[in-house]
């Protein structure tokens, strides 16, 4: 089982990009998104288009999906 040493999509994408020896330019080209989008994604910009995020994630065999959360954490914020 893969260890999840990332806590955000930004960290996941950056880690996977480096593991596959891709530059940001190469990743952008392969995913069909702009270089600025890849930079924004890796810098954890809060407002990004879901379809473009999925275009990047699909290259690594992943996609965005609903994830269960601990409701107690929401209540105790």
PDB file of N, CA and C in Angstrom:
ATOM      1  N   UNK A   1       0.834  -1.180   0.000  1.00  0.00           N
ATOM      2  CA  UNK A   1       0.000   0.000   0.000  1.00  0.00           C
ATOM      3  C   UNK A   1       0.884   1.251   0.000  1.00  0.00           C
ATOM      4  N   UNK A   2       0.486   2.239  -0.788  1.00  0.00           N
ATOM      5  CA  UNK A   2       1.263   3.463  -0.908  1.00  0.00           C
ATOM      6  C   UNK A   2       1.109   4.331   0.333  1.00  0.00           C
ATOM      7  N   UNK A   3       2.223   4.853   0.819  1.00  0.00           N
ATOM      8  CA  UNK A   3       2.182   5.764   1.951  1.00  0.00           C
ATOM      9  C   UNK A   3       1.746   7.136   1.472  1.00  0.00           C
ATOM     10  N   UNK A   4       0.822   7.741   2.173  1.00  0.00           N
ATOM     11  CA  UNK A   4       0.340   9.062   1.798  1.00  0.00           C
ATOM     12  C   UNK A   4       1.097  10.116   2.587  1.00  0.00           C
ATOM     13  N   UNK A   5       2.221  10.581   2.037  1.00  0.00           N
ATOM     14  CA  UNK A   5       3.001  11.606   2.706  1.00  0.00           C
ATOM     15  C   UNK A   5       2.686  12.985   2.126  1.00  0.00           C
ATOM     16  N   UNK A   6       1.473  13.152   1.654  1.00  0.00           N
ATOM     17  CA  UNK A   6       1.023  14.428   1.135  1.00  0.00           C
ATOM     18  C   UNK A   6      -0.319  14.739   1.783  1.00  0.00           C
ATOM     19  N   UNK A   7      -0.602  16.003   1.963  1.00  0.00           N
ATOM     20  CA  UNK A   7      -1.848  16.373   2.628  1.00  0.00           C
ATOM     21  C   UNK A   7      -2.745  17.208   1.727  1.00  0.00           C
ATOM     22  N   UNK A   8      -2.245  17.597   0.574  1.00  0.00           N
ATOM     23  CA  UNK A   8      -3.040  18.387  -0.354  1.00  0.00           C
ATOM     24  C   UNK A   8      -2.852  17.856  -1.768  1.00  0.00           C
ATOM     25  N   UNK A   9      -3.755  18.246  -2.636  1.00  0.00           N
ATOM     26  CA  UNK A   9      -3.599  17.891  -4.051  1.00  0.00           C
ATOM     27  C   UNK A   9      -2.308  18.492  -4.580  1.00  0.00           C
ATOM     28  N   UNK A  10      -1.974  19.684  -4.117  1.00  0.00           N
ATOM     29  CA  UNK A  10      -0.742  20.344  -4.559  1.00  0.00           C
ATOM     30  C   UNK A  10       0.480  19.477  -4.272  1.00  0.00           C
ATOM     31  N   UNK A  11       0.575  18.975  -3.061  1.00  0.00           N
ATOM     32  CA  UNK A  11       1.717  18.132  -2.698  1.00  0.00           C
ATOM     33  C   UNK A  11       1.713  16.829  -3.487  1.00  0.00           C
ATOM     34  N   UNK A  12       0.521  16.260  -3.692  1.00  0.00           N
ATOM     35  CA  UNK A  12       0.400  15.019  -4.459  1.00  0.00           C
ATOM     36  C   UNK A  12       0.911  15.223  -5.884  1.00  0.00           C
ATOM     37  N   UNK A  13       0.438  16.278  -6.540  1.00  0.00           N
ATOM     38  CA  UNK A  13       0.820  16.522  -7.933  1.00  0.00           C
ATOM     39  C   UNK A  13       2.324  16.776  -8.036  1.00  0.00           C
ATOM     40  N   UNK A  14       2.848  17.589  -7.165  1.00  0.00           N
ATOM     41  CA  UNK A  14       4.283  17.900  -7.214  1.00  0.00           C
ATOM     42  C   UNK A  14       5.117  16.635  -6.995  1.00  0.00           C
ATOM     43  N   UNK A  15       4.712  15.820  -6.032  1.00  0.00           N
ATOM     44  CA  UNK A  15       5.432  14.571  -5.746  1.00  0.00           C
ATOM     45  C   UNK A  15       5.390  13.628  -6.946  1.00  0.00           C
ATOM     46  N   UNK A  16       4.205  13.455  -7.510  1.00  0.00           N
ATOM     47  CA  UNK A  16       4.054  12.552  -8.661  1.00  0.00           C
ATOM     48  C   UNK A  16       4.812  13.086  -9.871  1.00  0.00           C
ATOM     49  N   UNK A  17       4.783  14.402 -10.082  1.00  0.00           N
ATOM     50  CA  UNK A  17       5.504  14.984 -11.210  1.00  0.00           C
ATOM     51  C   UNK A  17       7.000  14.713 -11.088  1.00  0.00           C
ATOM     52  N   UNK A  18       7.518  14.894  -9.889  1.00  0.00           N
ATOM     53  CA  UNK A  18       8.954  14.656  -9.684  1.00  0.00           C
ATOM     54  C   UNK A  18       9.302  13.171  -9.802  1.00  0.00           C
ATOM     55  N   UNK A  19       8.417  12.298  -9.302  1.00  0.00           N
ATOM     56  CA  UNK A  19       8.647  10.851  -9.406  1.00  0.00           C
ATOM     57  C   UNK A  19       8.713  10.398 -10.862  1.00  0.00           C
ATOM     58  N   UNK A  20       7.961  11.071 -11.719  1.00  0.00           N
ATOM     59  CA  UNK A  20       7.928  10.701 -13.135  1.00  0.00           C
ATOM     60  C   UNK A  20       8.902  11.537 -13.966  1.00  0.00           C
ATOM     61  N   UNK A  21       9.722  12.341 -13.285  1.00  0.00           N
ATOM     62  CA  UNK A  21      10.773  13.137 -13.928  1.00  0.00           C
ATOM     63  C   UNK A  21      10.225  14.085 -14.991  1.00  0.00           C
ATOM     64  N   UNK A  22       9.095  14.712 -14.676  1.00  0.00           N
ATOM     65  CA  UNK A  22       8.504  15.691 -15.581  1.00  0.00           C
ATOM     66  C   UNK A  22       8.766  17.098 -15.056  1.00  0.00           C
ATOM     67  N   UNK A  23       9.032  18.014 -15.968  1.00  0.00           N
ATOM     68  CA  UNK A  23       9.082  19.418 -15.591  1.00  0.00           C
ATOM     69  C   UNK A  23       7.642  19.933 -15.548  1.00  0.00           C
ATOM     70  N   UNK A  24       7.472  21.121 -15.019  1.00  0.00           N
ATOM     71  CA  UNK A  24       6.129  21.704 -15.023  1.00  0.00           C
ATOM     72  C   UNK A  24       5.654  21.931 -16.453  1.00  0.00           C
ATOM     73  N   UNK A  25       6.548  22.312 -17.329  1.00  0.00           N
ATOM     74  CA  UNK A  25       6.194  22.534 -18.732  1.00  0.00           C
ATOM     75  C   UNK A  25       5.737  21.227 -19.373  1.00  0.00           C
ATOM     76  N   UNK A  26       6.482  20.151 -19.130  1.00  0.00           N
ATOM     77  CA  UNK A  26       6.117  18.849 -19.698  1.00  0.00           C
ATOM     78  C   UNK A  26       4.773  18.364 -19.160  1.00  0.00           C
ATOM     79  N   UNK A  27       4.548  18.547 -17.858  1.00  0.00           N
ATOM     80  CA  UNK A  27       3.273  18.141 -17.272  1.00  0.00           C
ATOM     81  C   UNK A  27       2.122  18.930 -17.888  1.00  0.00           C
ATOM     82  N   UNK A  28       2.309  20.225 -18.023  1.00  0.00           N
ATOM     83  CA  UNK A  28       1.268  21.064 -18.620  1.00  0.00           C
ATOM     84  C   UNK A  28       0.942  20.598 -20.038  1.00  0.00           C
ATOM     85  N   UNK A  29       1.958  20.315 -20.808  1.00  0.00           N
ATOM     86  CA  UNK A  29       1.761  19.869 -22.187  1.00  0.00           C
ATOM     87  C   UNK A  29       1.024  18.534 -22.230  1.00  0.00           C
ATOM     88  N   UNK A  30       1.475  17.578 -21.450  1.00  0.00           N
ATOM     89  CA  UNK A  30       0.843  16.254 -21.437  1.00  0.00           C
ATOM     90  C   UNK A  30      -0.603  16.305 -20.957  1.00  0.00           C
ATOM     91  N   UNK A  31      -0.900  17.190 -20.013  1.00  0.00           N
ATOM     92  CA  UNK A  31      -2.250  17.283 -19.458  1.00  0.00           C
ATOM     93  C   UNK A  31      -3.156  18.196 -20.285  1.00  0.00           C
ATOM     94  N   UNK A  32      -2.569  18.961 -21.182  1.00  0.00           N
ATOM     95  CA  UNK A  32      -3.362  19.875 -21.990  1.00  0.00           C
ATOM     96  C   UNK A  32      -3.836  21.094 -21.218  1.00  0.00           C
ATOM     97  N   UNK A  33      -3.029  21.515 -20.255  1.00  0.00           N
ATOM     98  CA  UNK A  33      -3.336  22.711 -19.467  1.00  0.00           C
ATOM     99  C   UNK A  33      -2.167  23.679 -19.601  1.00  0.00           C
ATOM    100  N   UNK A  34      -2.362  24.889 -19.151  1.00  0.00           N
ATOM    101  CA  UNK A  34      -1.293  25.876 -19.237  1.00  0.00           C
ATOM    102  C   UNK A  34      -0.269  25.734 -18.124  1.00  0.00           C
ATOM    103  N   UNK A  35       0.907  26.263 -18.376  1.00  0.00           N
ATOM    104  CA  UNK A  35       1.974  26.249 -17.383  1.00  0.00           C
ATOM    105  C   UNK A  35       1.546  26.980 -16.114  1.00  0.00           C
ATOM    106  N   UNK A  36       0.887  28.118 -16.272  1.00  0.00           N
ATOM    107  CA  UNK A  36       0.433  28.860 -15.093  1.00  0.00           C
ATOM    108  C   UNK A  36      -0.539  28.034 -14.257  1.00  0.00           C
ATOM    109  N   UNK A  37      -1.365  27.223 -14.912  1.00  0.00           N
ATOM    110  CA  UNK A  37      -2.287  26.364 -14.162  1.00  0.00           C
ATOM    111  C   UNK A  37      -1.509  25.365 -13.311  1.00  0.00           C
ATOM    112  N   UNK A  38      -0.495  24.731 -13.884  1.00  0.00           N
ATOM    113  CA  UNK A  38       0.318  23.766 -13.132  1.00  0.00           C
ATOM    114  C   UNK A  38       0.987  24.464 -11.951  1.00  0.00           C
ATOM    115  N   UNK A  39       1.516  25.640 -12.179  1.00  0.00           N
ATOM    116  CA  UNK A  39       2.162  26.393 -11.086  1.00  0.00           C
ATOM    117  C   UNK A  39       1.149  26.722  -9.992  1.00  0.00           C
ATOM    118  N   UNK A  40      -0.029  27.202 -10.402  1.00  0.00           N
ATOM    119  CA  UNK A  40      -1.075  27.510  -9.419  1.00  0.00           C
ATOM    120  C   UNK A  40      -1.487  26.261  -8.642  1.00  0.00           C
ATOM    121  N   UNK A  41      -1.613  25.152  -9.335  1.00  0.00           N
ATOM    122  CA  UNK A  41      -2.002  23.891  -8.690  1.00  0.00           C
ATOM    123  C   UNK A  41      -0.955  23.469  -7.662  1.00  0.00           C
ATOM    124  N   UNK A  42       0.306  23.506  -8.043  1.00  0.00           N
ATOM    125  CA  UNK A  42       1.375  23.101  -7.130  1.00  0.00           C
ATOM    126  C   UNK A  42       1.576  24.083  -5.990  1.00  0.00           C
ATOM    127  N   UNK A  43       1.098  25.308  -6.144  1.00  0.00           N
ATOM    128  CA  UNK A  43       1.193  26.295  -5.067  1.00  0.00           C
ATOM    129  C   UNK A  43      -0.082  26.318  -4.231  1.00  0.00           C
ATOM    130  N   UNK A  44      -0.959  25.350  -4.474  1.00  0.00           N
ATOM    131  CA  UNK A  44      -2.180  25.156  -3.685  1.00  0.00           C
ATOM    132  C   UNK A  44      -3.146  26.343  -3.772  1.00  0.00           C
ATOM    133  N   UNK A  45      -3.255  26.927  -4.972  1.00  0.00           N
ATOM    134  CA  UNK A  45      -4.227  27.999  -5.170  1.00  0.00           C
ATOM    135  C   UNK A  45      -5.614  27.457  -4.831  1.00  0.00           C
ATOM    136  N   UNK A  46      -6.389  28.238  -4.143  1.00  0.00           N
ATOM    137  CA  UNK A  46      -7.682  27.778  -3.618  1.00  0.00           C
ATOM    138  C   UNK A  46      -8.782  27.709  -4.666  1.00  0.00           C
ATOM    139  N   UNK A  47      -8.663  28.452  -5.753  1.00  0.00           N
ATOM    140  CA  UNK A  47      -9.707  28.440  -6.775  1.00  0.00           C
ATOM    141  C   UNK A  47      -9.139  27.946  -8.095  1.00  0.00           C
ATOM    142  N   UNK A  48      -9.429  26.700  -8.415  1.00  0.00           N
ATOM    143  CA  UNK A  48      -8.983  26.080  -9.654  1.00  0.00           C
ATOM    144  C   UNK A  48     -10.153  25.337 -10.294  1.00  0.00           C
ATOM    145  N   UNK A  49     -10.135  25.224 -11.604  1.00  0.00           N
ATOM    146  CA  UNK A  49     -11.191  24.497 -12.301  1.00  0.00           C
ATOM    147  C   UNK A  49     -11.037  22.997 -12.073  1.00  0.00           C
ATOM    148  N   UNK A  50     -12.122  22.377 -11.641  1.00  0.00           N
ATOM    149  CA  UNK A  50     -12.107  20.942 -11.335  1.00  0.00           C
ATOM    150  C   UNK A  50     -11.749  20.121 -12.574  1.00  0.00           C
ATOM    151  N   UNK A  51     -12.274  20.485 -13.727  1.00  0.00           N
ATOM    152  CA  UNK A  51     -11.983  19.702 -14.931  1.00  0.00           C
ATOM    153  C   UNK A  51     -10.494  19.733 -15.265  1.00  0.00           C
ATOM    154  N   UNK A  52      -9.855  20.865 -15.065  1.00  0.00           N
ATOM    155  CA  UNK A  52      -8.419  20.954 -15.338  1.00  0.00           C
ATOM    156  C   UNK A  52      -7.604  20.204 -14.286  1.00  0.00           C
ATOM    157  N   UNK A  53      -8.043  20.259 -13.030  1.00  0.00           N
ATOM    158  CA  UNK A  53      -7.364  19.485 -11.989  1.00  0.00           C
ATOM    159  C   UNK A  53      -7.424  18.009 -12.359  1.00  0.00           C
ATOM    160  N   UNK A  54      -8.590  17.557 -12.793  1.00  0.00           N
ATOM    161  CA  UNK A  54      -8.723  16.152 -13.210  1.00  0.00           C
ATOM    162  C   UNK A  54      -7.864  15.839 -14.426  1.00  0.00           C
ATOM    163  N   UNK A  55      -7.719  16.770 -15.365  1.00  0.00           N
ATOM    164  CA  UNK A  55      -6.839  16.535 -16.517  1.00  0.00           C
ATOM    165  C   UNK A  55      -5.422  16.212 -16.051  1.00  0.00           C
ATOM    166  N   UNK A  56      -4.971  16.886 -15.011  1.00  0.00           N
ATOM    167  CA  UNK A  56      -3.629  16.633 -14.462  1.00  0.00           C
ATOM    168  C   UNK A  56      -3.626  15.314 -13.683  1.00  0.00           C
ATOM    169  N   UNK A  57      -4.591  15.116 -12.807  1.00  0.00           N
ATOM    170  CA  UNK A  57      -4.621  13.921 -11.965  1.00  0.00           C
ATOM    171  C   UNK A  57      -4.728  12.634 -12.780  1.00  0.00           C
ATOM    172  N   UNK A  58      -5.460  12.685 -13.883  1.00  0.00           N
ATOM    173  CA  UNK A  58      -5.646  11.490 -14.720  1.00  0.00           C
ATOM    174  C   UNK A  58      -4.309  10.956 -15.214  1.00  0.00           C
ATOM    175  N   UNK A  59      -3.349  11.839 -15.448  1.00  0.00           N
ATOM    176  CA  UNK A  59      -2.018  11.384 -15.882  1.00  0.00           C
ATOM    177  C   UNK A  59      -1.370  10.475 -14.847  1.00  0.00           C
ATOM    178  N   UNK A  60      -1.770  10.623 -13.589  1.00  0.00           N
ATOM    179  CA  UNK A  60      -1.198   9.826 -12.515  1.00  0.00           C
ATOM    180  C   UNK A  60      -2.161   8.747 -12.031  1.00  0.00           C
ATOM    181  N   UNK A  61      -3.219   8.497 -12.819  1.00  0.00           N
ATOM    182  CA  UNK A  61      -4.158   7.432 -12.474  1.00  0.00           C
ATOM    183  C   UNK A  61      -5.111   7.789 -11.349  1.00  0.00           C
ATOM    184  N   UNK A  62      -5.417   9.067 -11.173  1.00  0.00           N
ATOM    185  CA  UNK A  62      -6.307   9.516 -10.110  1.00  0.00           C
ATOM    186  C   UNK A  62      -7.333  10.507 -10.654  1.00  0.00           C
ATOM    187  N   UNK A  63      -8.340  10.785  -9.860  1.00  0.00           N
ATOM    188  CA  UNK A  63      -9.308  11.834 -10.167  1.00  0.00           C
ATOM    189  C   UNK A  63      -9.902  12.344  -8.871  1.00  0.00           C
ATOM    190  N   UNK A  64     -10.469  13.541  -8.940  1.00  0.00           N
ATOM    191  CA  UNK A  64     -11.139  14.100  -7.762  1.00  0.00           C
ATOM    192  C   UNK A  64     -12.395  13.299  -7.470  1.00  0.00           C
ATOM    193  N   UNK A  65     -12.667  13.115  -6.196  1.00  0.00           N
ATOM    194  CA  UNK A  65     -13.872  12.379  -5.794  1.00  0.00           C
ATOM    195  C   UNK A  65     -14.243  12.793  -4.376  1.00  0.00           C
ATOM    196  N   UNK A  66     -15.514  12.657  -4.026  1.00  0.00           N
ATOM    197  CA  UNK A  66     -15.915  12.947  -2.648  1.00  0.00           C
ATOM    198  C   UNK A  66     -15.172  12.011  -1.683  1.00  0.00           C
ATOM    199  N   UNK A  67     -14.746  12.587  -0.580  1.00  0.00           N
ATOM    200  CA  UNK A  67     -14.024  11.816   0.428  1.00  0.00           C
ATOM    201  C   UNK A  67     -14.717  12.008   1.770  1.00  0.00           C
ATOM    202  N   UNK A  68     -14.987  10.905   2.468  1.00  0.00           N
ATOM    203  CA  UNK A  68     -15.615  11.044   3.787  1.00  0.00           C
ATOM    204  C   UNK A  68     -14.708  11.820   4.744  1.00  0.00           C
ATOM    205  N   UNK A  69     -15.336  12.603   5.621  1.00  0.00           N
ATOM    206  CA  UNK A  69     -14.579  13.332   6.629  1.00  0.00           C
ATOM    207  C   UNK A  69     -15.198  13.079   7.999  1.00  0.00           C
ATOM    208  N   UNK A  70     -14.438  13.338   9.011  1.00  0.00           N
ATOM    209  CA  UNK A  70     -14.911  13.201  10.383  1.00  0.00           C
ATOM    210  C   UNK A  70     -15.783  14.405  10.710  1.00  0.00           C
ATOM    211  N   UNK A  71     -17.073  14.200  10.863  1.00  0.00           N
ATOM    212  CA  UNK A  71     -18.000  15.305  11.106  1.00  0.00           C
ATOM    213  C   UNK A  71     -17.704  16.013  12.427  1.00  0.00           C
ATOM    214  N   UNK A  72     -17.115  15.322  13.382  1.00  0.00           N
ATOM    215  CA  UNK A  72     -16.758  15.948  14.654  1.00  0.00           C
ATOM    216  C   UNK A  72     -15.744  17.082  14.421  1.00  0.00           C
ATOM    217  N   UNK A  73     -14.847  16.905  13.479  1.00  0.00           N
ATOM    218  CA  UNK A  73     -13.874  17.944  13.200  1.00  0.00           C
ATOM    219  C   UNK A  73     -14.568  19.196  12.670  1.00  0.00           C
ATOM    220  N   UNK A  74     -15.624  19.023  11.918  1.00  0.00           N
ATOM    221  CA  UNK A  74     -16.361  20.174  11.401  1.00  0.00           C
ATOM    222  C   UNK A  74     -17.088  20.904  12.515  1.00  0.00           C
ATOM    223  N   UNK A  75     -17.672  20.156  13.419  1.00  0.00           N
ATOM    224  CA  UNK A  75     -18.444  20.746  14.514  1.00  0.00           C
ATOM    225  C   UNK A  75     -17.527  21.508  15.466  1.00  0.00           C
ATOM    226  N   UNK A  76     -16.331  20.983  15.710  1.00  0.00           N
ATOM    227  CA  UNK A  76     -15.417  21.563  16.684  1.00  0.00           C
ATOM    228  C   UNK A  76     -14.461  22.591  16.088  1.00  0.00           C
ATOM    229  N   UNK A  77     -14.731  23.090  14.934  1.00  0.00           N
ATOM    230  CA  UNK A  77     -13.856  24.100  14.293  1.00  0.00           C
ATOM    231  C   UNK A  77     -13.857  25.378  15.068  1.00  0.00           C
TER     232      UNK A  77
END
